């Protein structure tokens, strides 16, 4: 005699209804192990049975996928990333824990659908998150779900194509990096030089503009990296200021972003001058108090005799731009001319500006690549092509009326 549920519907083999009204389907896996699938309704149970059958036919481990949560898969993923830089590992873990662990992360991995991922991303955007930040989250979530595919917990990655759809829906494009124009660069540096309040940043900014180094390469620079005899700067370290698992921040000393990041940069006279000034300052007055990962004697230190933090440098740049533009608008109004206003930028813009100035004055792209520490020459070529196009426009503008075409 067929078993029925409390509504008189015939139950299939392996199906039953509990006293609390929930439905159960029990099946035996290859190897003789019994598993159970639970659902609130018979319709939901039958859908899960179909998923299990489909998974079994395609080699997917349905029970593991149903038992394991996204959090379980992430924990496996982060453990298996043995080549990951420690600072990157900490950032990945913090980002995942903050945005995913207590929500989507608690879901069974085989219960996550494309619509769930897209809905999660859209909710973050609705709460004010920028698409660029969302991309960082996606770059963590996508490979975690890909690991679930490779382990046969799920048949396909539900986050595939989600970001492209989000970007299309929001008309988002990768923000284009901009270098300071020569006029902006000179106006900014002259303002810093002549400002009692901001002049303390001058040497640091000169070093950025004279080397093209990444911010962590500059803040992590020690006096052992400076070779005054041969006028060379060795880039070997990268200092980051990262958020730890408990939410607090701390310094971490690592290696440059890529293998190509380890390089030697010739010392320009202006750079040599500021390095000598900094060395004399530390010899006569405040000395570096910090020791990070076995490193000390940092070249550029703040008022607390510790290495600079990139967020603080960015805040200083914003204050300087604001002060400059306000003063420039007042002067321009008094003198009856258009003001030379500086666009907002971050400390990384110094690197892009140096690369642009280098491309404007050097044609050997390989040399530029090595100085910049670009792992991929395409990165160098993109800047070089942009500068070349600008130069072509300038040349043709100067040719106007000179070719006697007609």
Protein backbone atom coordinates (compact mmCIF):
# COMPACT_ATOMS: atom_id res chain seq x y z
CA UNK A 1 0.00 0.00 0.00
CA UNK A 2 1.36 3.41 -1.00
CA UNK A 3 2.23 5.91 1.71
CA UNK A 4 0.49 9.28 1.62
CA UNK A 5 1.10 12.68 3.16
CA UNK A 6 -1.36 14.53 5.41
CA UNK A 7 -3.11 15.92 2.31
CA UNK A 8 -3.67 12.48 0.82
CA UNK A 9 -0.98 12.73 -1.86
CA UNK A 10 0.87 9.54 -2.74
CA UNK A 11 4.55 9.60 -1.72
CA UNK A 12 7.26 8.05 -3.87
CA UNK A 13 9.75 5.48 -2.73
CA UNK A 14 12.13 6.98 -0.18
CA UNK A 15 9.80 9.92 0.58
CA UNK A 16 8.10 10.46 3.93
CA UNK A 17 6.49 13.21 5.96
CA UNK A 18 7.55 14.02 9.50
CA UNK A 19 5.20 14.85 12.39
CA UNK A 20 6.14 18.56 12.06
CA UNK A 21 4.90 18.54 8.46
CA UNK A 22 8.34 18.65 6.78
CA UNK A 23 9.18 16.22 3.98
CA UNK A 24 12.17 13.89 3.80
CA UNK A 25 13.71 11.92 0.96
CA UNK A 26 16.24 9.24 1.91
CA UNK A 27 18.59 7.70 -0.62
CA UNK A 28 21.59 5.42 -0.59
CA UNK A 29 24.80 6.75 -2.12
CA UNK A 30 27.26 4.53 -3.98
CA UNK A 31 29.22 2.79 -1.25
CA UNK A 32 26.13 2.17 0.88
CA UNK A 33 25.93 5.45 2.83
CA UNK A 34 22.42 6.79 3.46
CA UNK A 35 21.67 10.52 3.09
CA UNK A 36 18.58 12.63 3.63
CA UNK A 37 17.11 15.64 1.79
CA UNK A 38 14.66 17.87 3.64
CA UNK A 39 12.04 20.34 2.38
CA UNK A 40 9.06 22.30 3.67
CA UNK A 41 6.77 21.27 0.81
CA UNK A 42 6.41 18.20 -1.38
CA UNK A 43 6.99 20.31 -4.50
CA UNK A 44 10.29 21.62 -3.09
CA UNK A 45 11.33 18.08 -2.11
CA UNK A 46 10.64 16.75 -5.64
CA UNK A 47 12.69 19.58 -7.16
CA UNK A 48 15.60 18.68 -4.87
CA UNK A 49 15.23 15.03 -5.85
CA UNK A 50 15.52 16.01 -9.53
CA UNK A 51 18.65 18.05 -8.75
CA UNK A 52 20.17 15.07 -6.94
CA UNK A 53 19.41 12.72 -9.85
CA UNK A 54 20.87 15.19 -12.35
CA UNK A 55 23.94 15.66 -10.16
CA UNK A 56 24.42 11.91 -9.87
CA UNK A 57 24.27 11.50 -13.66
CA UNK A 58 26.86 14.25 -14.23
CA UNK A 59 29.22 13.10 -11.47
CA UNK A 60 28.41 15.94 -9.06
CA UNK A 61 28.69 15.16 -5.34
CA UNK A 62 25.18 16.31 -4.44
CA UNK A 63 25.37 15.42 -0.77
CA UNK A 64 28.68 17.25 -0.27
CA UNK A 65 27.38 20.31 -2.09
CA UNK A 66 24.20 20.25 -0.04
CA UNK A 67 26.09 19.81 3.23
CA UNK A 68 28.94 22.26 2.58
CA UNK A 69 28.30 25.96 2.87
CA UNK A 70 29.98 28.67 0.83
CA UNK A 71 31.96 29.48 3.98
CA UNK A 72 33.35 25.93 4.05
CA UNK A 73 34.51 26.23 0.45
CA UNK A 74 36.09 29.65 1.09
CA UNK A 75 38.02 28.28 4.07
CA UNK A 76 39.37 25.50 1.84
CA UNK A 77 40.15 27.98 -0.93
CA UNK A 78 42.16 30.37 1.26
CA UNK A 79 44.12 27.47 2.77
CA UNK A 80 45.02 26.11 -0.67
CA UNK A 81 46.33 29.51 -1.90
CA UNK A 82 49.85 28.78 -0.67
CA UNK A 83 51.54 31.30 -3.00
CA UNK A 84 49.39 34.23 -1.88
CA UNK A 85 51.15 37.23 -0.32
CA UNK A 86 50.28 37.49 3.36
CA UNK A 87 48.92 41.03 2.96
CA UNK A 88 46.64 39.84 0.11
CA UNK A 89 45.51 36.84 2.19
CA UNK A 90 44.56 39.14 5.08
CA UNK A 91 42.69 41.51 2.74
CA UNK A 92 40.81 38.62 1.07
CA UNK A 93 39.82 37.15 4.43
CA UNK A 94 38.69 40.48 5.86
CA UNK A 95 36.67 41.37 2.74
CA UNK A 96 35.01 37.94 2.66
CA UNK A 97 34.22 37.97 6.38
CA UNK A 98 32.83 41.52 6.27
CA UNK A 99 30.62 41.17 3.19
CA UNK A 100 29.86 37.48 2.65
CA UNK A 101 30.42 35.20 5.66
CA UNK A 102 27.34 36.07 7.72
CA UNK A 103 24.94 36.22 4.76
CA UNK A 104 25.42 34.42 1.45
CA UNK A 105 28.30 32.48 3.00
CA UNK A 106 25.94 30.47 5.21
CA UNK A 107 24.05 29.06 2.24
CA UNK A 108 24.67 25.50 1.01
CA UNK A 109 26.98 25.87 -1.97
CA UNK A 110 24.73 23.85 -4.29
CA UNK A 111 21.76 26.01 -3.32
CA UNK A 112 23.32 29.22 -4.71
CA UNK A 113 22.00 30.33 -8.10
CA UNK A 114 22.96 33.04 -10.60
CA UNK A 115 20.03 35.15 -9.41
CA UNK A 116 21.24 34.86 -5.80
CA UNK A 117 24.69 36.19 -6.68
CA UNK A 118 23.31 39.00 -8.84
CA UNK A 119 20.77 39.91 -6.17
CA UNK A 120 23.55 40.01 -3.57
CA UNK A 121 25.68 42.30 -5.77
CA UNK A 122 22.75 44.61 -6.52
CA UNK A 123 21.96 44.91 -2.79
CA UNK A 124 25.55 46.04 -2.16
CA UNK A 125 25.27 48.67 -4.92
CA UNK A 126 21.92 49.81 -3.50
CA UNK A 127 23.63 50.35 -0.16
CA UNK A 128 26.16 52.68 -1.77
CA UNK A 129 28.98 50.37 -2.84
CA UNK A 130 30.90 51.43 -5.96
CA UNK A 131 31.21 48.98 -8.84
CA UNK A 132 35.02 49.11 -8.53
CA UNK A 133 34.74 47.85 -4.92
CA UNK A 134 32.19 45.25 -5.95
CA UNK A 135 34.70 43.98 -8.53
CA UNK A 136 37.10 43.24 -5.66
CA UNK A 137 34.42 41.16 -3.91
CA UNK A 138 33.64 39.33 -7.17
CA UNK A 139 37.33 38.56 -7.68
CA UNK A 140 37.21 36.68 -4.37
CA UNK A 141 33.80 35.01 -4.71
CA UNK A 142 34.20 33.78 -8.29
CA UNK A 143 37.31 31.61 -7.71
CA UNK A 144 35.78 30.23 -4.48
CA UNK A 145 32.75 29.02 -6.44
CA UNK A 146 35.08 27.77 -9.17
CA UNK A 147 36.77 25.57 -6.56
CA UNK A 148 33.34 24.11 -5.76
CA UNK A 149 32.96 23.27 -9.48
CA UNK A 150 36.39 21.62 -9.61
CA UNK A 151 35.57 19.59 -6.50
CA UNK A 152 32.31 18.45 -8.17
CA UNK A 153 30.10 20.01 -5.50
CA UNK A 154 28.26 21.99 -8.22
CA UNK A 155 28.12 21.62 -12.01
CA UNK A 156 28.63 25.27 -12.97
CA UNK A 157 29.76 28.54 -11.42
CA UNK A 158 26.69 30.68 -10.55
CA UNK A 159 28.80 33.86 -10.54
CA UNK A 160 29.80 33.48 -14.21
CA UNK A 161 28.87 36.58 -16.25
CA UNK A 162 27.32 38.34 -13.23
CA UNK A 163 29.81 41.23 -13.15
CA UNK A 164 29.56 41.81 -16.90
CA UNK A 165 25.78 42.06 -16.50
CA UNK A 166 26.12 44.44 -13.54
CA UNK A 167 28.55 46.65 -15.45
CA UNK A 168 26.25 46.65 -18.46
CA UNK A 169 23.19 47.47 -16.34
CA UNK A 170 24.99 50.34 -14.59
CA UNK A 171 26.86 51.60 -17.71
CA UNK A 172 30.11 51.25 -15.76
CA UNK A 173 33.50 51.63 -17.39
CA UNK A 174 36.99 51.20 -15.95
CA UNK A 175 38.02 54.65 -14.71
CA UNK A 176 40.76 55.98 -16.94
CA UNK A 177 44.00 56.82 -15.18
CA UNK A 178 45.13 60.35 -15.76
CA UNK A 179 48.57 61.82 -15.35
CA UNK A 180 49.06 65.37 -14.17
CA UNK A 181 49.68 67.78 -17.01
CA UNK A 182 53.01 69.63 -16.90
CA UNK A 183 51.10 72.75 -15.80
CA UNK A 184 49.24 70.88 -13.03
CA UNK A 185 52.44 69.20 -11.86
CA UNK A 186 54.34 72.48 -11.66
CA UNK A 187 51.45 74.31 -10.00
CA UNK A 188 51.05 71.56 -7.38
CA UNK A 189 54.77 71.32 -6.56
CA UNK A 190 55.27 75.11 -6.47
CA UNK A 191 52.34 75.44 -4.08
CA UNK A 192 53.80 72.77 -1.76
CA UNK A 193 57.25 74.35 -1.95
CA UNK A 194 55.95 77.80 -0.98
CA UNK A 195 53.52 76.64 1.70
CA UNK A 196 54.65 76.71 5.34
CA UNK A 197 51.91 74.24 6.24
CA UNK A 198 52.49 71.71 3.45
CA UNK A 199 56.20 72.03 2.70
CA UNK A 200 57.03 69.04 4.90
CA UNK A 201 55.62 66.83 2.10
CA UNK A 202 57.89 68.28 -0.60
CA UNK A 203 60.76 65.77 -0.44
CA UNK A 204 58.40 62.80 -0.45
CA UNK A 205 56.50 64.14 -3.48
CA UNK A 206 59.74 64.89 -5.35
CA UNK A 207 60.82 61.30 -4.77
CA UNK A 208 57.51 59.97 -6.13
CA UNK A 209 57.71 62.17 -9.23
CA UNK A 210 61.40 61.40 -9.75
CA UNK A 211 61.21 57.59 -9.49
CA UNK A 212 57.69 56.48 -10.45
CA UNK A 213 57.66 54.06 -7.52
CA UNK A 214 54.50 52.55 -6.10
CA UNK A 215 53.47 53.96 -2.73
CA UNK A 216 54.39 50.78 -0.81
CA UNK A 217 57.80 50.72 -2.48
CA UNK A 218 58.47 54.26 -1.28
CA UNK A 219 57.15 53.85 2.26
CA UNK A 220 59.05 50.54 2.56
CA UNK A 221 62.35 52.00 1.35
CA UNK A 222 65.26 51.68 3.82
CA UNK A 223 68.67 53.35 3.77
CA UNK A 224 70.19 49.98 2.84
CA UNK A 225 68.37 50.35 -0.50
CA UNK A 226 70.13 53.64 -1.29
CA UNK A 227 73.47 53.48 -3.11
CA UNK A 228 74.82 57.03 -3.22
CA UNK A 229 78.15 55.86 -4.66
CA UNK A 230 76.58 54.44 -7.83
CA UNK A 231 73.50 56.71 -7.72
CA UNK A 232 71.11 53.74 -7.67
CA UNK A 233 67.93 52.98 -5.72
CA UNK A 234 67.14 49.29 -5.16
CA UNK A 235 63.44 48.48 -5.00
CA UNK A 236 63.18 45.28 -2.97
CA UNK A 237 60.37 45.81 -0.46
CA UNK A 238 56.72 46.76 -0.40
CA UNK A 239 55.20 48.12 2.80
CA UNK A 240 51.44 47.85 3.23
CA UNK A 241 49.14 49.07 5.96
CA UNK A 242 46.48 46.38 6.16
CA UNK A 243 43.37 45.63 8.14
CA UNK A 244 43.80 42.51 10.28
CA UNK A 245 41.12 39.90 10.99
CA UNK A 246 40.13 41.73 14.22
CA UNK A 247 39.50 44.96 12.28
CA UNK A 248 42.60 46.82 13.46
CA UNK A 249 45.34 48.03 11.11
CA UNK A 250 49.03 47.24 11.09
CA UNK A 251 52.10 47.44 8.83
CA UNK A 252 53.22 44.45 6.82
CA UNK A 253 56.49 44.24 4.93
CA UNK A 254 56.48 42.15 1.78
CA UNK A 255 57.99 42.06 -1.68
CA UNK A 256 57.00 44.23 -4.68
CA UNK A 257 53.75 43.55 -6.50
CA UNK A 258 55.39 41.35 -9.16
CA UNK A 259 58.78 39.75 -9.80
CA UNK A 260 59.50 42.57 -12.25
CA UNK A 261 58.93 44.98 -9.37
CA UNK A 262 62.37 44.18 -7.96
CA UNK A 263 64.54 46.62 -9.86
CA UNK A 264 67.20 49.31 -9.68
CA UNK A 265 66.32 52.91 -10.53
CA UNK A 266 68.99 55.48 -11.47
CA UNK A 267 69.03 58.45 -9.11
CA UNK A 268 68.12 61.79 -10.68
CA UNK A 269 69.98 64.82 -9.22
CA UNK A 270 66.72 66.16 -7.71
CA UNK A 271 66.07 62.79 -6.07
CA UNK A 272 69.64 62.54 -4.77
CA UNK A 273 69.28 65.99 -3.21
CA UNK A 274 66.12 65.12 -1.26
CA UNK A 275 67.59 61.81 -0.09
CA UNK A 276 70.64 63.59 1.30
CA UNK A 277 68.36 66.10 3.02
CA UNK A 278 66.32 63.30 4.61
CA UNK A 279 69.47 61.49 5.74
CA UNK A 280 70.83 64.66 7.34
CA UNK A 281 67.49 65.30 9.04
CA UNK A 282 67.51 61.85 10.59
CA UNK A 283 71.17 62.14 11.56
CA UNK A 284 70.62 65.45 13.38
CA UNK A 285 67.12 64.96 14.71
CA UNK A 286 64.41 62.32 14.76
CA UNK A 287 65.45 58.78 13.94
CA UNK A 288 63.19 56.00 12.73
CA UNK A 289 61.68 54.13 15.67
CA UNK A 290 59.86 51.45 13.72
CA UNK A 291 60.92 47.87 13.09
CA UNK A 292 58.61 45.97 10.74
CA UNK A 293 59.24 42.37 9.77
CA UNK A 294 62.90 42.72 10.68
CA UNK A 295 63.31 45.97 8.68
CA UNK A 296 64.15 49.38 10.15
CA UNK A 297 65.97 52.58 9.08
CA UNK A 298 63.15 53.68 6.80
CA UNK A 299 64.00 56.59 4.49
CA UNK A 300 60.75 58.54 4.70
CA UNK A 301 59.21 58.85 8.15
CA UNK A 302 56.38 60.91 9.62
CA UNK A 303 56.29 63.14 12.68
CA UNK A 304 56.05 60.05 14.89
CA UNK A 305 59.31 58.70 13.38
CA UNK A 306 57.39 55.86 11.69
CA UNK A 307 56.83 55.07 7.99
CA UNK A 308 54.10 56.97 6.19
CA UNK A 309 50.63 55.47 5.71
CA UNK A 310 49.24 55.80 2.18
CA UNK A 311 45.79 56.89 3.41
CA UNK A 312 47.40 59.81 5.27
CA UNK A 313 49.39 60.80 2.16
CA UNK A 314 46.18 60.79 0.10
CA UNK A 315 44.42 62.99 2.66
CA UNK A 316 47.35 65.43 2.54
CA UNK A 317 47.16 65.58 -1.27
CA UNK A 318 43.43 66.35 -1.12
CA UNK A 319 44.01 69.15 1.39
CA UNK A 320 46.77 70.63 -0.79
CA UNK A 321 44.63 70.52 -3.94
CA UNK A 322 41.75 72.20 -2.12
CA UNK A 323 44.00 74.92 -0.68
CA UNK A 324 45.72 75.51 -4.04
CA UNK A 325 42.49 75.75 -6.03
CA UNK A 326 40.90 78.11 -3.53
CA UNK A 327 43.89 80.44 -3.62
CA UNK A 328 44.24 80.17 -7.41
CA UNK A 329 40.58 81.10 -7.96
CA UNK A 330 41.01 84.21 -5.81
CA UNK A 331 44.20 85.26 -7.66
CA UNK A 332 42.68 84.59 -11.09
CA UNK A 333 39.67 86.72 -10.22
CA UNK A 334 41.91 89.58 -9.09
CA UNK A 335 44.08 89.30 -12.22
CA UNK A 336 41.18 88.84 -14.65
CA UNK A 337 42.26 85.45 -16.05
CA UNK A 338 41.17 81.81 -16.09
CA UNK A 339 42.32 79.89 -13.00
CA UNK A 340 44.68 76.90 -13.36
CA UNK A 341 42.82 74.38 -11.22
CA UNK A 342 44.30 71.02 -10.32
CA UNK A 343 42.08 67.96 -10.74
CA UNK A 344 41.64 65.65 -7.77
CA UNK A 345 44.15 62.80 -7.74
CA UNK A 346 45.66 60.18 -5.45
CA UNK A 347 49.26 59.33 -4.62
CA UNK A 348 49.27 56.66 -7.36
CA UNK A 349 48.86 59.47 -9.91
CA UNK A 350 52.47 60.46 -9.21
CA UNK A 351 53.55 57.09 -10.62
CA UNK A 352 51.42 57.50 -13.74
CA UNK A 353 52.70 61.06 -14.14
CA UNK A 354 56.33 59.94 -13.94
CA UNK A 355 55.67 57.23 -16.53
CA UNK A 356 54.01 59.79 -18.81
CA UNK A 357 56.93 62.25 -18.52
CA UNK A 358 59.33 59.35 -19.18
CA UNK A 359 57.40 58.31 -22.30
CA UNK A 360 57.43 61.90 -23.52
CA UNK A 361 61.22 61.95 -23.38
CA UNK A 362 62.30 58.33 -24.01
CA UNK A 363 61.55 56.09 -27.01
CA UNK A 364 63.01 52.82 -25.69
CA UNK A 365 59.89 51.12 -24.32
CA UNK A 366 61.88 48.25 -22.80
CA UNK A 367 63.88 50.69 -20.67
CA UNK A 368 60.65 52.37 -19.54
CA UNK A 369 59.17 48.97 -18.64
CA UNK A 370 62.19 48.04 -16.50
CA UNK A 371 62.27 51.40 -14.71
CA UNK A 372 58.54 51.17 -13.94
CA UNK A 373 58.70 47.51 -12.92
CA UNK A 374 55.81 46.57 -15.22
CA UNK A 375 55.41 42.78 -15.43
CA UNK A 376 53.55 43.10 -18.75
CA UNK A 377 54.94 45.38 -21.45
CA UNK A 378 51.33 46.03 -22.56
CA UNK A 379 50.95 48.23 -19.47
CA UNK A 380 53.94 50.30 -20.62
CA UNK A 381 52.71 50.38 -24.22
CA UNK A 382 49.27 51.68 -23.15
CA UNK A 383 50.89 54.73 -21.53
CA UNK A 384 53.37 55.14 -24.38
CA UNK A 385 50.58 54.96 -27.00
CA UNK A 386 48.53 57.56 -25.12
CA UNK A 387 51.54 59.91 -25.00
CA UNK A 388 52.34 59.25 -28.68
CA UNK A 389 48.79 60.10 -29.73
CA UNK A 390 48.96 63.32 -27.76
CA UNK A 391 52.31 64.18 -29.39
CA UNK A 392 50.90 63.47 -32.85
CA UNK A 393 48.03 65.86 -32.20
CA UNK A 394 50.55 68.51 -31.10
CA UNK A 395 52.75 67.97 -34.18
CA UNK A 396 49.81 68.23 -36.58
CA UNK A 397 48.55 71.33 -34.82
CA UNK A 398 51.96 72.93 -35.41
CA UNK A 399 51.86 71.87 -39.08
CA UNK A 400 48.72 73.85 -39.75
CA UNK A 401 49.23 76.05 -42.81
CA UNK A 402 52.84 74.88 -43.29
CA UNK A 403 52.42 71.96 -45.72
CA UNK A 404 50.96 74.15 -48.50
CA UNK A 405 48.51 71.42 -49.45
CA UNK A 406 46.37 73.80 -51.45
